[in-house]
Every structure is written in structure tokens, then in C-alpha cells.
Amino acid sequence: MKNVIAALIATLFATAAFAQAPAVVKAEAKETKVVAKATAKETKADVKADAKVAATAADAKADVAVAKADAKETKAKAKHKAVKAKAKAKADVASAEAAAPAAAK
């Protein structure tokens, strides 16, 4: 009879230990889930920040390209004006030289 009672008590303790195991597993699973969510949130924030930096860099590159194109156009216009002014000055000098010998006669 003592052996039977001892076996029942041992079984009771073993059952209690196994009964608590799923609660521990559930708690660990819940904790793992919370950690995974936090990691995902952090990763999402990092990706969003990286995308924002990349977009800013792309905008800056586009601004530089536009500025370079504007500078090139302005330079071309200035060169064109200078060529026209030089041609006009040569024409004025030539006409003045042509008028000067005629006036001297």
C-alpha cells in the first residue's frame, strides 16, 4: 500500500510538472513573438530611413544635373552674344575704315 501511495504521489508530481510545461512554452512563444515584432518594426524603420536618404540623394543629384544644364545653356548664350558682338565690332571697324579713306579723298 505504501508503494502504491508513493507511486501515486510521484505520478501526481510528474503530472504537475508536465502540466506547467505548456504554460512555460506559451510564455516563451509569446516573448519570442514580441521580440520578433519589435525587430520587424525596427527593421522597417531602418528601411524607411534608408529610403528617405536615398530619395534625398537622388533629389540632390537631379538638382545638380539641372544646375549644370542651366550653366551650360547660359554659357552657350553668352558665347553666342560674344561672337555676335565681335562680328558687329569687326563690321563697324571695317565700315569705319572704308568710310575714312573715302572722306580723306
N, C-alpha and C. Protein backbone atom coordinates (compact mmCIF):
# COMPACT_ATOMS: atom_id res chain seq x y z
N MET A 1 0.82 -1.19 0.00
CA MET A 1 0.00 0.00 0.00
C MET A 1 0.87 1.25 0.00
N LYS A 2 1.95 1.26 0.75
CA LYS A 2 2.85 2.40 0.78
C LYS A 2 3.45 2.63 -0.62
N ASN A 3 3.75 1.51 -1.30
CA ASN A 3 4.32 1.64 -2.65
C ASN A 3 3.32 2.25 -3.62
N VAL A 4 2.09 1.87 -3.49
CA VAL A 4 1.05 2.40 -4.37
C VAL A 4 0.86 3.88 -4.11
N ILE A 5 0.82 4.28 -2.84
CA ILE A 5 0.65 5.70 -2.49
C ILE A 5 1.86 6.49 -2.97
N ALA A 6 3.05 5.94 -2.80
CA ALA A 6 4.27 6.62 -3.25
C ALA A 6 4.25 6.77 -4.77
N ALA A 7 3.79 5.76 -5.46
CA ALA A 7 3.72 5.82 -6.92
C ALA A 7 2.69 6.86 -7.35
N LEU A 8 1.56 6.92 -6.66
CA LEU A 8 0.54 7.92 -6.98
C LEU A 8 1.05 9.34 -6.74
N ILE A 9 1.75 9.51 -5.62
CA ILE A 9 2.30 10.84 -5.31
C ILE A 9 3.35 11.23 -6.36
N ALA A 10 4.20 10.28 -6.73
CA ALA A 10 5.21 10.54 -7.75
C ALA A 10 4.56 10.89 -9.09
N THR A 11 3.50 10.18 -9.42
CA THR A 11 2.76 10.44 -10.65
C THR A 11 2.12 11.82 -10.61
N LEU A 12 1.58 12.17 -9.43
CA LEU A 12 0.96 13.47 -9.27
C LEU A 12 1.97 14.60 -9.50
N PHE A 13 3.16 14.47 -8.92
CA PHE A 13 4.20 15.49 -9.12
C PHE A 13 4.67 15.53 -10.57
N ALA A 14 4.81 14.39 -11.20
CA ALA A 14 5.24 14.34 -12.60
C ALA A 14 4.19 14.99 -13.50
N THR A 15 2.92 14.72 -13.22
CA THR A 15 1.84 15.30 -14.00
C THR A 15 1.81 16.81 -13.82
N ALA A 16 2.04 17.25 -12.60
CA ALA A 16 2.05 18.70 -12.33
C ALA A 16 3.19 19.36 -13.09
N ALA A 17 4.34 18.71 -13.15
CA ALA A 17 5.48 19.26 -13.88
C ALA A 17 5.19 19.35 -15.37
N PHE A 18 4.57 18.33 -15.94
CA PHE A 18 4.23 18.34 -17.36
C PHE A 18 3.11 19.34 -17.65
N ALA A 19 2.21 19.50 -16.70
CA ALA A 19 1.11 20.43 -16.90
C ALA A 19 1.60 21.86 -16.96
N GLN A 20 2.68 22.16 -16.24
CA GLN A 20 3.22 23.51 -16.24
C GLN A 20 4.09 23.76 -17.48
N ALA A 21 4.60 22.74 -18.09
CA ALA A 21 5.48 22.90 -19.23
C ALA A 21 4.82 23.67 -20.37
N PRO A 22 3.57 23.38 -20.76
CA PRO A 22 2.97 24.16 -21.84
C PRO A 22 2.83 25.64 -21.49
N ALA A 23 2.59 25.96 -20.23
CA ALA A 23 2.49 27.36 -19.83
C ALA A 23 3.84 28.06 -20.05
N VAL A 24 4.91 27.36 -19.73
CA VAL A 24 6.25 27.92 -19.93
C VAL A 24 6.52 28.09 -21.42
N VAL A 25 6.14 27.08 -22.18
CA VAL A 25 6.34 27.14 -23.63
C VAL A 25 5.52 28.28 -24.23
N LYS A 26 4.28 28.44 -23.74
CA LYS A 26 3.43 29.53 -24.24
C LYS A 26 4.06 30.88 -23.91
N ALA A 27 4.59 31.01 -22.70
CA ALA A 27 5.22 32.28 -22.29
C ALA A 27 6.44 32.57 -23.16
N GLU A 28 7.23 31.52 -23.43
CA GLU A 28 8.40 31.71 -24.28
C GLU A 28 7.99 32.07 -25.71
N ALA A 29 6.94 31.43 -26.19
CA ALA A 29 6.45 31.73 -27.53
C ALA A 29 5.95 33.17 -27.61
N LYS A 30 5.24 33.60 -26.58
CA LYS A 30 4.73 34.97 -26.54
C LYS A 30 5.89 35.97 -26.52
N GLU A 31 6.90 35.67 -25.72
CA GLU A 31 8.07 36.54 -25.63
C GLU A 31 8.81 36.60 -26.97
N THR A 32 8.94 35.45 -27.61
CA THR A 32 9.60 35.39 -28.91
C THR A 32 8.82 36.20 -29.94
N LYS A 33 7.50 36.11 -29.86
CA LYS A 33 6.65 36.85 -30.79
C LYS A 33 6.81 38.36 -30.59
N VAL A 34 6.88 38.80 -29.33
CA VAL A 34 7.06 40.22 -29.03
C VAL A 34 8.41 40.70 -29.56
N VAL A 35 9.44 39.89 -29.34
CA VAL A 35 10.78 40.26 -29.82
C VAL A 35 10.80 40.33 -31.34
N ALA A 36 10.14 39.37 -31.99
CA ALA A 36 10.09 39.37 -33.45
C ALA A 36 9.37 40.60 -33.98
N LYS A 37 8.28 40.98 -33.32
CA LYS A 37 7.54 42.17 -33.75
C LYS A 37 8.41 43.41 -33.58
N ALA A 38 9.10 43.51 -32.46
CA ALA A 38 9.95 44.66 -32.22
C ALA A 38 11.08 44.73 -33.25
N THR A 39 11.65 43.58 -33.56
CA THR A 39 12.72 43.54 -34.56
C THR A 39 12.20 43.94 -35.93
N ALA A 40 11.02 43.46 -36.28
CA ALA A 40 10.42 43.81 -37.57
C ALA A 40 10.13 45.30 -37.65
N LYS A 41 9.64 45.87 -36.55
CA LYS A 41 9.34 47.30 -36.51
C LYS A 41 10.62 48.12 -36.68
N GLU A 42 11.67 47.70 -36.00
CA GLU A 42 12.95 48.39 -36.09
C GLU A 42 13.53 48.29 -37.50
N THR A 43 13.44 47.12 -38.08
CA THR A 43 13.94 46.92 -39.45
C THR A 43 13.16 47.77 -40.44
N LYS A 44 11.85 47.83 -40.25
CA LYS A 44 11.01 48.65 -41.12
C LYS A 44 11.40 50.12 -41.02
N ALA A 45 11.65 50.58 -39.80
CA ALA A 45 12.06 51.97 -39.59
C ALA A 45 13.40 52.24 -40.27
N ASP A 46 14.34 51.29 -40.16
CA ASP A 46 15.65 51.45 -40.80
C ASP A 46 15.51 51.52 -42.31
N VAL A 47 14.68 50.65 -42.86
CA VAL A 47 14.49 50.64 -44.31
C VAL A 47 13.86 51.95 -44.77
N LYS A 48 12.91 52.43 -43.99
CA LYS A 48 12.24 53.69 -44.33
C LYS A 48 13.23 54.85 -44.29
N ALA A 49 14.09 54.86 -43.28
CA ALA A 49 15.10 55.92 -43.17
C ALA A 49 16.09 55.84 -44.33
N ASP A 50 16.50 54.63 -44.68
CA ASP A 50 17.43 54.45 -45.80
C ASP A 50 16.78 54.93 -47.11
N ALA A 51 15.52 54.64 -47.28
CA ALA A 51 14.81 55.06 -48.49
C ALA A 51 14.74 56.58 -48.55
N LYS A 52 14.51 57.20 -47.38
CA LYS A 52 14.43 58.66 -47.33
C LYS A 52 15.78 59.28 -47.70
N VAL A 53 16.86 58.70 -47.19
CA VAL A 53 18.21 59.19 -47.51
C VAL A 53 18.49 59.02 -49.01
N ALA A 54 18.11 57.88 -49.56
CA ALA A 54 18.33 57.62 -50.99
C ALA A 54 17.53 58.61 -51.84
N ALA A 55 16.31 58.89 -51.43
CA ALA A 55 15.48 59.85 -52.18
C ALA A 55 16.09 61.24 -52.12
N THR A 56 16.60 61.62 -50.96
CA THR A 56 17.23 62.93 -50.81
C THR A 56 18.47 63.02 -51.70
N ALA A 57 19.25 61.94 -51.72
CA ALA A 57 20.45 61.92 -52.57
C ALA A 57 20.07 62.01 -54.04
N ALA A 58 19.01 61.32 -54.43
CA ALA A 58 18.56 61.36 -55.82
C ALA A 58 18.08 62.77 -56.19
N ASP A 59 17.37 63.41 -55.26
CA ASP A 59 16.91 64.79 -55.50
C ASP A 59 18.10 65.73 -55.65
N ALA A 60 19.11 65.54 -54.82
CA ALA A 60 20.30 66.38 -54.89
C ALA A 60 21.01 66.18 -56.22
N LYS A 61 21.12 64.92 -56.67
CA LYS A 61 21.76 64.65 -57.95
C LYS A 61 20.97 65.29 -59.09
N ALA A 62 19.66 65.22 -59.00
CA ALA A 62 18.82 65.84 -60.03
C ALA A 62 19.00 67.35 -60.04
N ASP A 63 19.07 67.96 -58.85
CA ASP A 63 19.28 69.40 -58.76
C ASP A 63 20.62 69.80 -59.38
N VAL A 64 21.65 69.00 -59.11
CA VAL A 64 22.97 69.27 -59.67
C VAL A 64 22.92 69.17 -61.19
N ALA A 65 22.23 68.16 -61.70
CA ALA A 65 22.13 67.99 -63.15
C ALA A 65 21.41 69.17 -63.79
N VAL A 66 20.35 69.62 -63.17
CA VAL A 66 19.61 70.78 -63.69
C VAL A 66 20.49 72.02 -63.66
N ALA A 67 21.21 72.22 -62.57
CA ALA A 67 22.09 73.38 -62.45
C ALA A 67 23.19 73.34 -63.52
N LYS A 68 23.75 72.15 -63.75
CA LYS A 68 24.78 72.03 -64.78
C LYS A 68 24.21 72.34 -66.16
N ALA A 69 23.01 71.84 -66.44
CA ALA A 69 22.38 72.10 -67.73
C ALA A 69 22.11 73.59 -67.90
N ASP A 70 21.63 74.24 -66.83
CA ASP A 70 21.38 75.69 -66.89
C ASP A 70 22.67 76.46 -67.12
N ALA A 71 23.72 76.05 -66.44
CA ALA A 71 25.01 76.72 -66.60
C ALA A 71 25.53 76.55 -68.02
N LYS A 72 25.37 75.36 -68.56
CA LYS A 72 25.82 75.10 -69.93
C LYS A 72 25.06 75.98 -70.92
N GLU A 73 23.75 76.07 -70.73
CA GLU A 73 22.92 76.89 -71.61
C GLU A 73 23.30 78.36 -71.50
N THR A 74 23.50 78.83 -70.28
CA THR A 74 23.88 80.23 -70.05
C THR A 74 25.22 80.52 -70.70
N LYS A 75 26.15 79.59 -70.56
CA LYS A 75 27.48 79.75 -71.15
C LYS A 75 27.38 79.81 -72.68
N ALA A 76 26.54 78.95 -73.26
CA ALA A 76 26.35 78.95 -74.71
C ALA A 76 25.75 80.26 -75.18
N LYS A 77 24.76 80.77 -74.43
CA LYS A 77 24.14 82.05 -74.79
C LYS A 77 25.16 83.19 -74.72
N ALA A 78 25.97 83.19 -73.66
CA ALA A 78 26.99 84.23 -73.51
C ALA A 78 28.02 84.16 -74.64
N LYS A 79 28.40 82.96 -75.01
CA LYS A 79 29.36 82.78 -76.10
C LYS A 79 28.76 83.29 -77.42
N HIS A 80 27.49 82.96 -77.63
CA HIS A 80 26.80 83.40 -78.85
C HIS A 80 26.74 84.93 -78.90
N LYS A 81 26.43 85.57 -77.77
CA LYS A 81 26.39 87.03 -77.71
C LYS A 81 27.76 87.63 -77.98
N ALA A 82 28.79 86.98 -77.41
CA ALA A 82 30.14 87.49 -77.61
C ALA A 82 30.54 87.39 -79.07
N VAL A 83 30.20 86.28 -79.71
CA VAL A 83 30.52 86.11 -81.13
C VAL A 83 29.79 87.16 -81.96
N LYS A 84 28.50 87.40 -81.66
CA LYS A 84 27.73 88.42 -82.38
C LYS A 84 28.33 89.81 -82.17
N ALA A 85 28.70 90.10 -80.91
CA ALA A 85 29.26 91.41 -80.61
C ALA A 85 30.60 91.59 -81.32
N LYS A 86 31.40 90.55 -81.36
CA LYS A 86 32.70 90.61 -82.02
C LYS A 86 32.51 90.83 -83.53
N ALA A 87 31.57 90.11 -84.12
CA ALA A 87 31.29 90.26 -85.54
C ALA A 87 30.79 91.66 -85.85
N LYS A 88 29.93 92.19 -84.98
CA LYS A 88 29.40 93.54 -85.17
C LYS A 88 30.52 94.57 -85.05
N ALA A 89 31.41 94.35 -84.07
CA ALA A 89 32.53 95.27 -83.89
C ALA A 89 33.43 95.24 -85.11
N LYS A 90 33.70 94.06 -85.66
CA LYS A 90 34.53 93.96 -86.86
C LYS A 90 33.86 94.67 -88.04
N ALA A 91 32.56 94.49 -88.15
CA ALA A 91 31.82 95.14 -89.23
C ALA A 91 31.86 96.65 -89.06
N ASP A 92 31.71 97.14 -87.83
CA ASP A 92 31.77 98.58 -87.56
C ASP A 92 33.15 99.13 -87.90
N VAL A 93 34.20 98.39 -87.52
CA VAL A 93 35.57 98.81 -87.80
C VAL A 93 35.79 98.82 -89.31
N ALA A 94 35.32 97.80 -89.99
CA ALA A 94 35.50 97.73 -91.44
C ALA A 94 34.76 98.87 -92.13
N SER A 95 33.57 99.16 -91.68
CA SER A 95 32.81 100.25 -92.31
C SER A 95 33.45 101.59 -92.00
N ALA A 96 33.99 101.72 -90.77
CA ALA A 96 34.68 102.97 -90.40
C ALA A 96 35.93 103.13 -91.24
N GLU A 97 36.67 102.05 -91.46
CA GLU A 97 37.89 102.12 -92.27
C GLU A 97 37.54 102.42 -93.72
N ALA A 98 36.43 101.87 -94.20
CA ALA A 98 36.01 102.13 -95.57
C ALA A 98 35.55 103.56 -95.72
N ALA A 99 34.93 104.10 -94.71
CA ALA A 99 34.43 105.48 -94.76
C ALA A 99 35.58 106.48 -94.61
N ALA A 100 36.59 106.10 -93.85
CA ALA A 100 37.71 107.01 -93.60
C ALA A 100 38.51 107.33 -94.87
N PRO A 101 38.88 106.34 -95.69
CA PRO A 101 39.62 106.69 -96.91
C PRO A 101 38.75 107.50 -97.88
N ALA A 102 37.47 107.23 -97.90
CA ALA A 102 36.59 107.97 -98.79
C ALA A 102 36.47 109.43 -98.33
N ALA A 103 36.48 109.67 -97.06
CA ALA A 103 36.38 111.02 -96.50
C ALA A 103 37.68 111.75 -96.72
N ALA A 104 38.81 111.04 -96.72
CA ALA A 104 40.11 111.67 -96.89
C ALA A 104 40.31 112.13 -98.32
N LYS A 105 39.64 111.59 -99.30
CA LYS A 105 39.83 111.96 -100.70
C LYS A 105 39.21 113.23 -100.99
